[in-house]
Amino acid sequence: MKKIFYIVFLVSISSFSQEIALLKYGGGGDWYANPTSLPNLIKYCNANINTKIKSKPGTVEPSSPDLLSYPFVHMTGHGNVVFSDSDVINLRNYLSAGGFLHIDDNYGMDQYIRKEIKKIFPGTDLVEIPSNHAIFQKPYLFSSGLPKIHEHDGKRPQAFGIFVENKLVLLYTYECDLGDGWEDPEVHNDPIEVREKALKMGANIINYIFN
């Protein structure tokens, strides 16, 4: 019976629509940070890498059955994160069967999110993703890996991941602030080249999932 359920679940994941969502998590952190980032990333990808993603992203809670409707879920914020037991089970099933979670630390989330990731995959450690990984290669080349968008404390940007059967299913971008770079230009007044760099890296993430 368990085997049959897994096959059905896997099929449902593989038939995702081209729609992405923002994760509404518990714990008090500002899950709603960077409200213009995902709409701008969607617009950029549809214009530049031939995706056909719905222009308005969804919002989904980690324990919701609706999570399984999205091939890509984005998570961001500055503060505390707490996943309940039902959140953990649903996220583990989602990621193990083909879903993708991008966690973008908006500075201040790191000390909380690492513990929560460990709940989802207790026997698996986050590993740093090398610059020759496919996610940094196409359609835009990032020969040094994850770009630095906002300086803050000046630490180098790092991309960490969880892999299931050699497939990247969870991407954690740290000391980078990609989501800030996707926001409307007037929000952070980033130079055009910095914002373009952030959007191109975002397009690589989307490309990795949809291709």
Protein backbone atom coordinates (compact mmCIF):
# COMPACT_ATOMS: atom_id res chain seq x y z
CA MET A 1 0.00 0.00 0.00
CA LYS A 2 2.81 2.40 0.85
CA LYS A 3 4.50 1.73 -2.48
CA ILE A 4 1.31 2.47 -4.42
CA PHE A 5 0.79 5.74 -2.54
CA TYR A 6 4.34 6.86 -3.31
CA ILE A 7 3.92 6.23 -7.04
CA VAL A 8 0.66 8.23 -7.14
CA PHE A 9 2.27 11.05 -5.17
CA LEU A 10 5.23 11.14 -7.52
CA VAL A 11 2.97 11.37 -10.54
CA SER A 12 1.09 14.30 -8.96
CA ILE A 13 4.36 16.16 -8.41
CA SER A 14 5.49 15.59 -12.00
CA SER A 15 2.30 17.18 -13.35
CA PHE A 16 2.85 20.57 -11.68
CA SER A 17 1.46 23.67 -13.36
CA GLN A 18 3.77 26.58 -14.05
CA GLU A 19 2.91 28.44 -10.89
CA ILE A 20 5.16 29.32 -7.97
CA ALA A 21 4.46 30.30 -4.38
CA LEU A 22 5.73 32.04 -1.27
CA LEU A 23 5.91 29.97 1.90
CA LYS A 24 3.90 31.35 4.84
CA TYR A 25 5.67 29.82 7.83
CA GLY A 26 5.15 30.10 11.58
CA GLY A 27 7.42 31.32 14.34
CA GLY A 28 6.99 35.06 14.06
CA GLY A 29 9.47 35.77 11.27
CA ASP A 30 8.51 38.10 8.43
CA TRP A 31 7.67 35.52 5.77
CA TYR A 32 6.06 38.35 3.76
CA ALA A 33 9.33 40.31 3.29
CA ASN A 34 10.20 41.48 -0.24
CA PRO A 35 6.62 41.57 -1.58
CA THR A 36 7.62 42.62 -5.11
CA SER A 37 10.43 40.10 -5.53
CA LEU A 38 8.59 37.04 -6.84
CA PRO A 39 6.32 38.98 -9.25
CA ASN A 40 9.40 40.66 -10.71
CA LEU A 41 11.29 37.38 -11.01
CA ILE A 42 8.32 35.80 -12.77
CA LYS A 43 8.09 38.72 -15.19
CA TYR A 44 11.84 38.51 -15.90
CA CYS A 45 11.78 34.75 -16.50
CA ASN A 46 8.73 34.87 -18.76
CA ALA A 47 10.38 37.61 -20.83
CA ASN A 48 13.89 36.16 -20.98
CA ILE A 49 13.92 32.38 -20.61
CA ASN A 50 10.59 31.46 -22.21
CA THR A 51 8.76 30.31 -19.11
CA LYS A 52 5.00 30.72 -18.84
CA ILE A 53 4.59 31.13 -15.11
CA LYS A 54 1.41 32.70 -13.78
CA SER A 55 2.13 36.36 -13.08
CA LYS A 56 0.79 36.34 -9.52
CA PRO A 57 2.57 33.92 -7.16
CA GLY A 58 0.57 31.91 -4.68
CA THR A 59 0.93 31.86 -0.91
CA VAL A 60 1.06 28.47 0.79
CA GLU A 61 1.55 27.16 4.31
CA PRO A 62 4.01 24.30 4.81
CA SER A 63 1.39 21.85 6.10
CA SER A 64 -1.16 22.61 3.38
CA PRO A 65 -2.07 19.98 0.74
CA ASP A 66 -1.83 22.87 -1.75
CA LEU A 67 1.96 22.75 -1.35
CA LEU A 68 1.95 19.84 -3.79
CA SER A 69 0.56 22.11 -6.51
CA TYR A 70 3.75 24.15 -6.82
CA PRO A 71 7.04 23.03 -8.45
CA PHE A 72 8.86 25.92 -6.76
CA VAL A 73 8.30 27.46 -3.34
CA HIS A 74 10.26 30.47 -2.10
CA MET A 75 10.91 31.32 1.53
CA THR A 76 12.49 34.45 2.96
CA GLY A 77 12.61 36.67 6.04
CA HIS A 78 14.81 38.12 8.76
CA GLY A 79 13.75 36.29 11.91
CA ASN A 80 12.41 33.22 13.64
CA VAL A 81 11.11 30.13 11.84
CA VAL A 82 9.27 27.21 13.43
CA PHE A 83 8.01 24.18 11.52
CA SER A 84 5.36 22.08 13.28
CA ASP A 85 5.37 18.29 13.04
CA SER A 86 2.75 18.43 10.27
CA ASP A 87 4.82 21.08 8.44
CA VAL A 88 7.87 18.82 8.60
CA ILE A 89 6.06 15.75 7.29
CA ASN A 90 4.44 17.64 4.43
CA LEU A 91 7.66 19.42 3.43
CA ARG A 92 9.62 16.15 3.53
CA ASN A 93 7.06 14.41 1.32
CA TYR A 94 6.96 17.37 -1.06
CA LEU A 95 10.73 17.60 -1.45
CA SER A 96 11.32 13.86 -1.58
CA ALA A 97 8.85 13.49 -4.44
CA GLY A 98 10.08 16.28 -6.70
CA GLY A 99 9.21 19.64 -5.16
CA PHE A 100 11.75 22.42 -4.72
CA LEU A 101 12.22 24.86 -1.85
CA HIS A 102 14.40 27.97 -2.16
CA ILE A 103 15.22 29.58 1.18
CA ASP A 104 16.73 33.04 0.86
CA ASP A 105 18.14 34.39 4.12
CA ASN A 106 17.25 38.07 4.19
CA TYR A 107 19.80 38.46 7.02
CA GLY A 108 18.76 37.22 10.45
CA MET A 109 17.12 33.91 9.53
CA ASP A 110 20.23 31.69 9.55
CA GLN A 111 20.33 30.74 13.23
CA TYR A 112 16.72 29.56 13.05
CA ILE A 113 16.35 27.97 9.64
CA ARG A 114 19.26 25.55 9.93
CA LYS A 115 17.56 23.84 12.89
CA GLU A 116 14.29 23.60 10.98
CA ILE A 117 15.95 22.14 7.88
CA LYS A 118 17.45 19.49 10.16
CA LYS A 119 13.92 18.53 11.23
CA ILE A 120 12.95 17.88 7.61
CA PHE A 121 16.07 15.86 6.78
CA PRO A 122 17.49 14.71 10.14
CA GLY A 123 20.05 12.37 8.59
CA THR A 124 21.29 14.78 5.94
CA ASP A 125 23.59 17.79 6.23
CA LEU A 126 23.45 20.93 4.15
CA VAL A 127 26.32 20.88 1.66
CA GLU A 128 27.84 23.85 -0.11
CA ILE A 129 27.00 23.78 -3.80
CA PRO A 130 30.10 24.07 -6.03
CA SER A 131 30.33 26.74 -8.69
CA ASN A 132 30.33 24.11 -11.46
CA HIS A 133 26.85 22.90 -10.53
CA ALA A 134 24.23 23.25 -13.27
CA ILE A 135 22.31 25.90 -11.33
CA PHE A 136 25.24 28.32 -11.87
CA GLN A 137 25.81 27.39 -15.52
CA LYS A 138 22.65 28.11 -17.48
CA PRO A 139 21.08 30.02 -18.97
CA TYR A 140 23.46 32.54 -17.35
CA LEU A 141 26.99 31.70 -16.30
CA PHE A 142 28.08 32.45 -12.74
CA SER A 143 31.61 31.12 -12.84
CA SER A 144 32.26 31.96 -9.18
CA GLY A 145 28.96 30.58 -7.92
CA LEU A 146 26.37 32.55 -5.99
CA PRO A 147 26.65 36.33 -6.53
CA LYS A 148 26.74 38.92 -3.74
CA ILE A 149 23.76 41.29 -4.01
CA HIS A 150 23.85 43.23 -0.73
CA GLU A 151 27.01 43.59 1.34
CA HIS A 152 25.69 43.90 4.90
CA ASP A 153 28.58 42.38 6.90
CA GLY A 154 30.76 41.62 3.90
CA LYS A 155 30.87 37.82 4.25
CA ARG A 156 31.07 35.79 1.07
CA PRO A 157 27.79 34.51 -0.36
CA GLN A 158 27.21 30.79 -0.09
CA ALA A 159 24.69 28.40 -1.65
CA PHE A 160 23.86 25.31 0.37
CA GLY A 161 21.70 22.44 -0.66
CA ILE A 162 19.97 19.20 0.21
CA PHE A 163 20.05 16.52 -2.48
CA VAL A 164 17.67 13.61 -2.94
CA GLU A 165 18.98 10.95 -5.32
CA ASN A 166 21.54 13.45 -6.66
CA LYS A 167 18.83 16.00 -7.40
CA LEU A 168 18.95 19.38 -5.66
CA VAL A 169 15.61 19.79 -3.88
CA LEU A 170 16.38 22.46 -1.28
CA LEU A 171 18.50 25.53 -2.01
CA TYR A 172 19.55 27.80 0.84
CA THR A 173 21.15 31.08 -0.25
CA TYR A 174 23.13 32.74 2.53
CA GLU A 175 24.88 36.13 2.76
CA CYS A 176 23.55 37.00 -0.68
CA ASP A 177 20.07 38.58 -0.49
CA LEU A 178 18.79 37.55 -3.90
CA GLY A 179 15.22 38.51 -3.02
CA ASP A 180 16.23 42.12 -2.31
CA GLY A 181 17.75 42.23 -5.77
CA TRP A 182 14.49 41.07 -7.34
CA GLU A 183 12.44 43.83 -5.73
CA ASP A 184 11.23 46.99 -7.49
CA PRO A 185 14.22 49.25 -8.30
CA GLU A 186 13.15 52.03 -5.94
CA VAL A 187 12.98 49.74 -2.89
CA HIS A 188 16.75 49.41 -2.45
CA ASN A 189 18.07 51.69 -5.21
CA ASP A 190 20.41 48.99 -6.42
CA PRO A 191 22.49 49.75 -9.52
CA ILE A 192 21.02 48.25 -12.69
CA GLU A 193 23.87 45.76 -13.01
CA VAL A 194 23.36 44.46 -9.46
CA ARG A 195 19.63 43.99 -9.93
CA GLU A 196 20.23 42.30 -13.29
CA LYS A 197 22.71 39.93 -11.66
CA ALA A 198 20.15 38.97 -9.02
CA LEU A 199 17.42 38.39 -11.60
CA LYS A 200 19.72 36.28 -13.78
CA MET A 201 20.62 34.08 -10.82
CA GLY A 202 16.93 33.76 -10.03
CA ALA A 203 16.29 32.78 -13.63
CA ASN A 204 18.91 30.05 -13.31
CA ILE A 205 17.07 28.64 -10.30
CA ILE A 206 13.76 28.67 -12.16
CA ASN A 207 15.39 27.14 -15.24
CA TYR A 208 16.83 24.33 -13.13
CA ILE A 209 13.36 23.42 -11.91
CA PHE A 210 11.34 23.76 -15.11
CA ASN A 211 13.84 22.06 -17.43
